[in-house]
Amino acid sequence: MMSGRAQSRPGLKQKTSMQFYYVYILMCSDGLTYTGITNDITRSFDEHQKGVRNTVGLLDQYWCFNPSEASTKND
């Protein structure tokens, strides 16, 4: 009898949820903006707030399917 759980088979990859990448623009406390690329916008924002330039807010963000697409929007 099979259980309701998915069975793992050798050689088959498990289906994973799609991961997005983000280009984000932050306003820093010194009045400058910072643009970056991440796959975890919350983590990146928190890291910037703890960094040398205190982040005041998130000005904008764009989602992309992969890092290459994100880097073209970063220009």
N, C-alpha and C. Protein backbone atom coordinates (compact mmCIF):
# COMPACT_ATOMS: atom_id res chain seq x y z
N MET A 1 0.84 -1.18 0.00
CA MET A 1 0.00 0.00 0.00
C MET A 1 0.88 1.24 0.00
N MET A 2 0.57 2.21 -0.84
CA MET A 2 1.37 3.43 -0.94
C MET A 2 0.81 4.49 0.00
N SER A 3 1.70 5.23 0.60
CA SER A 3 1.26 6.33 1.46
C SER A 3 0.92 7.54 0.60
N GLY A 4 0.36 8.59 1.20
CA GLY A 4 -0.01 9.80 0.49
C GLY A 4 1.19 10.69 0.20
N ARG A 5 2.36 10.33 0.68
CA ARG A 5 3.55 11.15 0.46
C ARG A 5 4.17 10.82 -0.88
N ALA A 6 4.80 11.83 -1.50
CA ALA A 6 5.47 11.61 -2.79
C ALA A 6 6.70 10.73 -2.57
N GLN A 7 6.87 9.78 -3.44
CA GLN A 7 8.01 8.89 -3.36
C GLN A 7 9.16 9.45 -4.19
N SER A 8 10.36 9.43 -3.62
CA SER A 8 11.54 9.90 -4.34
C SER A 8 12.12 8.73 -5.12
N ARG A 9 12.45 8.98 -6.38
CA ARG A 9 13.04 7.92 -7.21
C ARG A 9 14.41 8.38 -7.67
N PRO A 10 15.39 7.49 -7.67
CA PRO A 10 16.73 7.86 -8.12
C PRO A 10 16.72 8.41 -9.54
N GLY A 11 17.46 9.47 -9.75
CA GLY A 11 17.57 10.04 -11.09
C GLY A 11 16.51 11.08 -11.41
N LEU A 12 15.50 11.23 -10.57
CA LEU A 12 14.45 12.22 -10.81
C LEU A 12 14.62 13.39 -9.85
N LYS A 13 14.55 14.57 -10.38
CA LYS A 13 14.64 15.75 -9.54
C LYS A 13 13.27 16.06 -8.96
N GLN A 14 13.26 16.49 -7.72
CA GLN A 14 12.02 16.90 -7.09
C GLN A 14 11.60 18.25 -7.67
N LYS A 15 10.32 18.42 -7.89
CA LYS A 15 9.82 19.68 -8.41
C LYS A 15 9.93 20.73 -7.31
N THR A 16 10.51 21.86 -7.65
CA THR A 16 10.67 22.94 -6.68
C THR A 16 9.88 24.15 -7.14
N SER A 17 9.58 25.03 -6.21
CA SER A 17 8.87 26.24 -6.59
C SER A 17 9.82 27.18 -7.32
N MET A 18 9.28 27.99 -8.21
CA MET A 18 10.10 28.90 -9.01
C MET A 18 10.69 29.99 -8.12
N GLN A 19 11.94 30.29 -8.34
CA GLN A 19 12.62 31.33 -7.58
C GLN A 19 12.77 32.56 -8.45
N PHE A 20 12.44 33.71 -7.89
CA PHE A 20 12.58 34.96 -8.61
C PHE A 20 13.78 35.72 -8.08
N TYR A 21 14.28 36.61 -8.91
CA TYR A 21 15.36 37.52 -8.52
C TYR A 21 14.80 38.93 -8.60
N TYR A 22 15.34 39.79 -7.79
CA TYR A 22 14.84 41.16 -7.72
C TYR A 22 15.96 42.16 -7.93
N VAL A 23 15.66 43.19 -8.69
CA VAL A 23 16.50 44.38 -8.74
C VAL A 23 15.82 45.35 -7.80
N TYR A 24 16.57 45.91 -6.86
CA TYR A 24 15.95 46.80 -5.89
C TYR A 24 16.75 48.10 -5.79
N ILE A 25 16.05 49.16 -5.46
CA ILE A 25 16.68 50.47 -5.30
C ILE A 25 16.35 50.97 -3.89
N LEU A 26 17.39 51.23 -3.12
CA LEU A 26 17.24 51.68 -1.74
C LEU A 26 17.64 53.14 -1.61
N MET A 27 16.99 53.85 -0.71
CA MET A 27 17.41 55.20 -0.33
C MET A 27 18.21 55.06 0.96
N CYS A 28 19.41 55.62 0.96
CA CYS A 28 20.29 55.56 2.12
C CYS A 28 20.18 56.85 2.93
N SER A 29 20.56 56.79 4.19
CA SER A 29 20.44 57.95 5.08
C SER A 29 21.33 59.11 4.65
N ASP A 30 22.36 58.86 3.83
CA ASP A 30 23.23 59.93 3.36
C ASP A 30 22.69 60.59 2.09
N GLY A 31 21.47 60.18 1.66
CA GLY A 31 20.84 60.79 0.50
C GLY A 31 21.15 60.11 -0.82
N LEU A 32 22.05 59.16 -0.82
CA LEU A 32 22.40 58.43 -2.04
C LEU A 32 21.48 57.22 -2.21
N THR A 33 21.38 56.72 -3.43
CA THR A 33 20.62 55.50 -3.68
C THR A 33 21.58 54.35 -3.92
N TYR A 34 21.09 53.16 -3.64
CA TYR A 34 21.86 51.94 -3.85
C TYR A 34 20.98 50.99 -4.67
N THR A 35 21.54 50.41 -5.72
CA THR A 35 20.82 49.43 -6.54
C THR A 35 21.52 48.08 -6.41
N GLY A 36 20.72 47.04 -6.17
CA GLY A 36 21.29 45.71 -6.01
C GLY A 36 20.41 44.65 -6.62
N ILE A 37 20.91 43.42 -6.63
CA ILE A 37 20.19 42.25 -7.13
C ILE A 37 20.20 41.20 -6.02
N THR A 38 19.04 40.56 -5.80
CA THR A 38 18.93 39.54 -4.76
C THR A 38 17.84 38.54 -5.11
N ASN A 39 17.85 37.41 -4.42
CA ASN A 39 16.74 36.47 -4.52
C ASN A 39 15.91 36.48 -3.24
N ASP A 40 16.30 37.35 -2.29
CA ASP A 40 15.56 37.48 -1.03
C ASP A 40 15.55 38.95 -0.63
N ILE A 41 14.52 39.67 -1.05
CA ILE A 41 14.47 41.12 -0.86
C ILE A 41 14.43 41.50 0.63
N THR A 42 13.74 40.73 1.45
CA THR A 42 13.65 41.02 2.88
C THR A 42 15.01 40.89 3.55
N ARG A 43 15.72 39.81 3.25
CA ARG A 43 17.05 39.60 3.83
C ARG A 43 18.00 40.71 3.41
N SER A 44 17.98 41.07 2.13
CA SER A 44 18.88 42.11 1.64
C SER A 44 18.60 43.45 2.30
N PHE A 45 17.32 43.81 2.42
CA PHE A 45 16.95 45.07 3.07
C PHE A 45 17.45 45.08 4.51
N ASP A 46 17.24 43.99 5.25
CA ASP A 46 17.69 43.90 6.64
C ASP A 46 19.21 44.02 6.73
N GLU A 47 19.94 43.37 5.82
CA GLU A 47 21.40 43.44 5.83
C GLU A 47 21.88 44.88 5.56
N HIS A 48 21.22 45.58 4.65
CA HIS A 48 21.61 46.96 4.36
C HIS A 48 21.33 47.88 5.55
N GLN A 49 20.26 47.62 6.28
CA GLN A 49 19.96 48.46 7.44
C GLN A 49 21.02 48.31 8.52
N LYS A 50 21.66 47.16 8.59
CA LYS A 50 22.71 46.91 9.57
C LYS A 50 24.08 47.35 9.06
N GLY A 51 24.17 47.76 7.80
CA GLY A 51 25.45 48.08 7.17
C GLY A 51 25.96 49.47 7.49
N VAL A 52 27.00 49.87 6.76
CA VAL A 52 27.66 51.15 6.97
C VAL A 52 26.72 52.32 6.70
N ARG A 53 25.97 52.24 5.59
CA ARG A 53 25.01 53.30 5.27
C ARG A 53 23.63 52.81 5.67
N ASN A 54 23.05 53.47 6.62
CA ASN A 54 21.72 53.07 7.08
C ASN A 54 20.70 53.26 5.97
N THR A 55 19.95 52.22 5.67
CA THR A 55 18.93 52.29 4.63
C THR A 55 17.67 52.93 5.19
N VAL A 56 17.17 53.92 4.50
CA VAL A 56 15.97 54.64 4.93
C VAL A 56 14.72 53.97 4.38
N GLY A 57 14.77 53.50 3.14
CA GLY A 57 13.58 52.87 2.58
C GLY A 57 13.84 52.22 1.23
N LEU A 58 12.87 51.44 0.82
CA LEU A 58 12.89 50.78 -0.48
C LEU A 58 12.15 51.66 -1.46
N LEU A 59 12.87 52.16 -2.47
CA LEU A 59 12.25 53.04 -3.46
C LEU A 59 11.50 52.28 -4.54
N ASP A 60 12.07 51.16 -5.00
CA ASP A 60 11.44 50.41 -6.07
C ASP A 60 12.04 49.01 -6.12
N GLN A 61 11.30 48.09 -6.74
CA GLN A 61 11.81 46.73 -6.97
C GLN A 61 11.18 46.17 -8.23
N TYR A 62 11.93 45.33 -8.92
CA TYR A 62 11.48 44.66 -10.14
C TYR A 62 11.83 43.20 -10.01
N TRP A 63 10.91 42.31 -10.33
CA TRP A 63 11.23 40.89 -10.27
C TRP A 63 11.63 40.39 -11.64
N CYS A 64 12.49 39.38 -11.63
CA CYS A 64 13.02 38.78 -12.85
C CYS A 64 13.07 37.27 -12.66
N PHE A 65 13.19 36.55 -13.77
CA PHE A 65 13.24 35.10 -13.71
C PHE A 65 14.62 34.54 -13.40
N ASN A 66 15.68 35.31 -13.68
CA ASN A 66 17.03 34.80 -13.44
C ASN A 66 17.99 35.97 -13.23
N PRO A 67 19.18 35.69 -12.70
CA PRO A 67 20.15 36.75 -12.43
C PRO A 67 20.59 37.52 -13.68
N SER A 68 20.65 36.85 -14.83
CA SER A 68 21.05 37.53 -16.06
C SER A 68 20.05 38.61 -16.44
N GLU A 69 18.77 38.29 -16.36
CA GLU A 69 17.74 39.27 -16.65
C GLU A 69 17.79 40.42 -15.64
N ALA A 70 18.02 40.09 -14.39
CA ALA A 70 18.11 41.13 -13.35
C ALA A 70 19.29 42.07 -13.60
N SER A 71 20.41 41.52 -14.04
CA SER A 71 21.58 42.38 -14.25
C SER A 71 21.38 43.33 -15.43
N THR A 72 20.55 42.97 -16.41
CA THR A 72 20.29 43.90 -17.52
C THR A 72 19.40 45.04 -17.06
N LYS A 73 18.54 44.81 -16.07
CA LYS A 73 17.68 45.87 -15.52
C LYS A 73 18.45 46.74 -14.55
N ASN A 74 19.58 46.23 -14.08
CA ASN A 74 20.40 46.95 -13.10
C ASN A 74 21.23 48.04 -13.75
N ASP A 75 21.36 48.04 -15.08
CA ASP A 75 22.20 49.03 -15.78
C ASP A 75 21.57 50.39 -15.82
